[in-house]
């Protein structure tokens, strides 16, 4: 769960991976994703981004990156996905800059 990222250093490259293990061609599209990270140095300031369309259908996998340049530790985190798919075999993982993987959706 995202709780395991609490109190980790937020700075660095975060990556979102979306994979459809049984997708046929054009089974879905990842339109974008967003991440909000609350930082310990000032909880009122969060690193926020909505990454626009990843130019890939979910025929197999797609990924996108987001860089947090502010220092501080994670106090809260929220991930928003904007995607369309008819598949029931979608897996979504968020990778912290230190390499920790958190599964958000697993089918």
C-alpha atoms as a PDB file:
ATOM      1  CA  UNK A   1       0.000   0.000   0.000  1.00  0.00           C
ATOM      2  CA  UNK A   2       1.001   3.638  -0.353  1.00  0.00           C
ATOM      3  CA  UNK A   3       1.441   3.710   3.437  1.00  0.00           C
ATOM      4  CA  UNK A   4       4.810   2.001   3.070  1.00  0.00           C
ATOM      5  CA  UNK A   5       6.108   5.158   1.334  1.00  0.00           C
ATOM      6  CA  UNK A   6       5.270   7.383   4.298  1.00  0.00           C
ATOM      7  CA  UNK A   7       8.313   9.094   5.827  1.00  0.00           C
ATOM      8  CA  UNK A   8      10.583   8.154   2.893  1.00  0.00           C
ATOM      9  CA  UNK A   9      12.665  10.798   1.098  1.00  0.00           C
ATOM     10  CA  UNK A  10      10.486  12.228  -1.671  1.00  0.00           C
ATOM     11  CA  UNK A  11      13.219  13.647  -3.897  1.00  0.00           C
ATOM     12  CA  UNK A  12      13.883  11.863  -7.170  1.00  0.00           C
ATOM     13  CA  UNK A  13      12.306  10.129 -10.123  1.00  0.00           C
ATOM     14  CA  UNK A  14       8.949   8.414  -9.503  1.00  0.00           C
ATOM     15  CA  UNK A  15       7.665   5.995 -12.161  1.00  0.00           C
ATOM     16  CA  UNK A  16       4.217   4.609 -12.839  1.00  0.00           C
ATOM     17  CA  UNK A  17       3.933   1.284 -14.705  1.00  0.00           C
ATOM     18  CA  UNK A  18       0.656   0.109 -16.229  1.00  0.00           C
ATOM     19  CA  UNK A  19       0.577  -3.377 -17.701  1.00  0.00           C
ATOM     20  CA  UNK A  20      -2.195  -5.407 -19.260  1.00  0.00           C
ATOM     21  CA  UNK A  21      -1.127  -9.034 -19.334  1.00  0.00           C
ATOM     22  CA  UNK A  22      -3.857 -10.179 -21.696  1.00  0.00           C
ATOM     23  CA  UNK A  23      -4.646  -7.127 -23.778  1.00  0.00           C
ATOM     24  CA  UNK A  24      -5.429  -7.353 -27.423  1.00  0.00           C
ATOM     25  CA  UNK A  25      -4.298  -4.482 -29.604  1.00  0.00           C
ATOM     26  CA  UNK A  26      -5.924  -1.155 -28.721  1.00  0.00           C
ATOM     27  CA  UNK A  27      -7.538  -2.572 -25.582  1.00  0.00           C
ATOM     28  CA  UNK A  28      -7.118   0.709 -23.736  1.00  0.00           C
ATOM     29  CA  UNK A  29      -5.267   3.980 -23.402  1.00  0.00           C
ATOM     30  CA  UNK A  30      -3.508   5.591 -20.467  1.00  0.00           C
ATOM     31  CA  UNK A  31      -4.514   9.227 -20.928  1.00  0.00           C
ATOM     32  CA  UNK A  32      -2.424  10.555 -18.075  1.00  0.00           C
ATOM     33  CA  UNK A  33      -1.620  10.202 -14.411  1.00  0.00           C
ATOM     34  CA  UNK A  34      -1.049  12.500 -11.495  1.00  0.00           C
ATOM     35  CA  UNK A  35       0.783  12.339  -8.212  1.00  0.00           C
ATOM     36  CA  UNK A  36       0.561  14.571  -5.159  1.00  0.00           C
ATOM     37  CA  UNK A  37       3.214  14.223  -2.467  1.00  0.00           C
ATOM     38  CA  UNK A  38       2.915  15.999   0.885  1.00  0.00           C
ATOM     39  CA  UNK A  39       6.331  16.915   2.261  1.00  0.00           C
ATOM     40  CA  UNK A  40       7.424  16.983   5.914  1.00  0.00           C
ATOM     41  CA  UNK A  41       9.294  20.275   5.619  1.00  0.00           C
ATOM     42  CA  UNK A  42       6.030  22.066   4.816  1.00  0.00           C
ATOM     43  CA  UNK A  43       2.926  19.847   4.663  1.00  0.00           C
ATOM     44  CA  UNK A  44       0.977  22.677   3.045  1.00  0.00           C
ATOM     45  CA  UNK A  45       3.234  22.470  -0.016  1.00  0.00           C
ATOM     46  CA  UNK A  46       2.970  19.375  -2.150  1.00  0.00           C
ATOM     47  CA  UNK A  47       4.714  18.350  -5.318  1.00  0.00           C
ATOM     48  CA  UNK A  48       1.881  17.893  -7.781  1.00  0.00           C
ATOM     49  CA  UNK A  49       1.862  16.858 -11.395  1.00  0.00           C
ATOM     50  CA  UNK A  50      -0.533  15.525 -13.957  1.00  0.00           C
ATOM     51  CA  UNK A  51       1.468  13.871 -16.691  1.00  0.00           C
ATOM     52  CA  UNK A  52      -0.349  14.112 -20.041  1.00  0.00           C
ATOM     53  CA  UNK A  53      -1.040  11.269 -22.401  1.00  0.00           C
ATOM     54  CA  UNK A  54       1.531   8.550 -22.595  1.00  0.00           C
ATOM     55  CA  UNK A  55       1.630   7.791 -26.289  1.00  0.00           C
ATOM     56  CA  UNK A  56       0.958   4.127 -25.937  1.00  0.00           C
ATOM     57  CA  UNK A  57      -2.094   1.953 -25.936  1.00  0.00           C
ATOM     58  CA  UNK A  58      -2.352  -0.597 -23.187  1.00  0.00           C
ATOM     59  CA  UNK A  59      -1.806  -3.409 -25.655  1.00  0.00           C
ATOM     60  CA  UNK A  60       0.964  -4.551 -23.334  1.00  0.00           C
ATOM     61  CA  UNK A  61       2.417  -1.858 -21.091  1.00  0.00           C
ATOM     62  CA  UNK A  62       2.957   1.856 -20.618  1.00  0.00           C
ATOM     63  CA  UNK A  63       4.954   3.894 -18.134  1.00  0.00           C
ATOM     64  CA  UNK A  64       5.595   7.486 -17.199  1.00  0.00           C
ATOM     65  CA  UNK A  65       7.945   9.430 -14.950  1.00  0.00           C
ATOM     66  CA  UNK A  66       7.539  12.301 -12.518  1.00  0.00           C
ATOM     67  CA  UNK A  67      10.416  14.084 -10.773  1.00  0.00           C
ATOM     68  CA  UNK A  68      10.113  15.552  -7.269  1.00  0.00           C
ATOM     69  CA  UNK A  69      12.853  18.154  -6.840  1.00  0.00           C
ATOM     70  CA  UNK A  70      11.784  19.483  -3.424  1.00  0.00           C
ATOM     71  CA  UNK A  71      13.473  18.049  -0.354  1.00  0.00           C
ATOM     72  CA  UNK A  72      11.515  16.502   2.483  1.00  0.00           C
ATOM     73  CA  UNK A  73       9.930  13.273   3.503  1.00  0.00           C
ATOM     74  CA  UNK A  74       6.614  11.924   2.271  1.00  0.00           C
ATOM     75  CA  UNK A  75       3.785  12.701   4.688  1.00  0.00           C
ATOM     76  CA  UNK A  76       0.976  11.829   2.305  1.00  0.00           C
ATOM     77  CA  UNK A  77       0.635  10.635  -1.261  1.00  0.00           C
ATOM     78  CA  UNK A  78      -2.183  10.446  -3.770  1.00  0.00           C
ATOM     79  CA  UNK A  79      -2.110   8.929  -7.255  1.00  0.00           C
ATOM     80  CA  UNK A  80      -4.761   9.634  -9.891  1.00  0.00           C
ATOM     81  CA  UNK A  81      -5.106   7.609 -13.094  1.00  0.00           C
ATOM     82  CA  UNK A  82      -6.985   8.695 -16.191  1.00  0.00           C
ATOM     83  CA  UNK A  83      -7.325   5.692 -18.445  1.00  0.00           C
ATOM     84  CA  UNK A  84      -9.762   3.784 -20.541  1.00  0.00           C
ATOM     85  CA  UNK A  85      -9.709   0.027 -20.875  1.00  0.00           C
ATOM     86  CA  UNK A  86     -12.134  -2.810 -21.368  1.00  0.00           C
ATOM     87  CA  UNK A  87      -9.661  -5.292 -19.955  1.00  0.00           C
ATOM     88  CA  UNK A  88      -9.883  -6.914 -16.543  1.00  0.00           C
ATOM     89  CA  UNK A  89      -6.200  -7.821 -16.404  1.00  0.00           C
ATOM     90  CA  UNK A  90      -4.602  -4.444 -15.668  1.00  0.00           C
ATOM     91  CA  UNK A  91      -1.785  -4.097 -13.132  1.00  0.00           C
ATOM     92  CA  UNK A  92      -0.590  -0.693 -11.910  1.00  0.00           C
ATOM     93  CA  UNK A  93       2.613  -0.108  -9.923  1.00  0.00           C
ATOM     94  CA  UNK A  94       4.218   3.029  -8.538  1.00  0.00           C
ATOM     95  CA  UNK A  95       7.995   2.977  -8.160  1.00  0.00           C
ATOM     96  CA  UNK A  96       9.571   5.252  -5.544  1.00  0.00           C
ATOM     97  CA  UNK A  97      12.951   6.881  -6.331  1.00  0.00           C
ATOM     98  CA  UNK A  98      14.667   4.387  -4.000  1.00  0.00           C
ATOM     99  CA  UNK A  99      13.288   1.477  -6.044  1.00  0.00           C
ATOM    100  CA  UNK A 100      10.436   0.492  -3.714  1.00  0.00           C
ATOM    101  CA  UNK A 101       7.492  -0.791  -5.794  1.00  0.00           C
ATOM    102  CA  UNK A 102       3.927  -0.377  -4.601  1.00  0.00           C
ATOM    103  CA  UNK A 103       1.147  -2.248  -6.373  1.00  0.00           C
ATOM    104  CA  UNK A 104      -1.888   0.011  -6.745  1.00  0.00           C
ATOM    105  CA  UNK A 105      -4.038  -2.301  -8.866  1.00  0.00           C
ATOM    106  CA  UNK A 106      -3.593  -6.008  -9.423  1.00  0.00           C
ATOM    107  CA  UNK A 107      -5.964  -8.250 -11.284  1.00  0.00           C
END
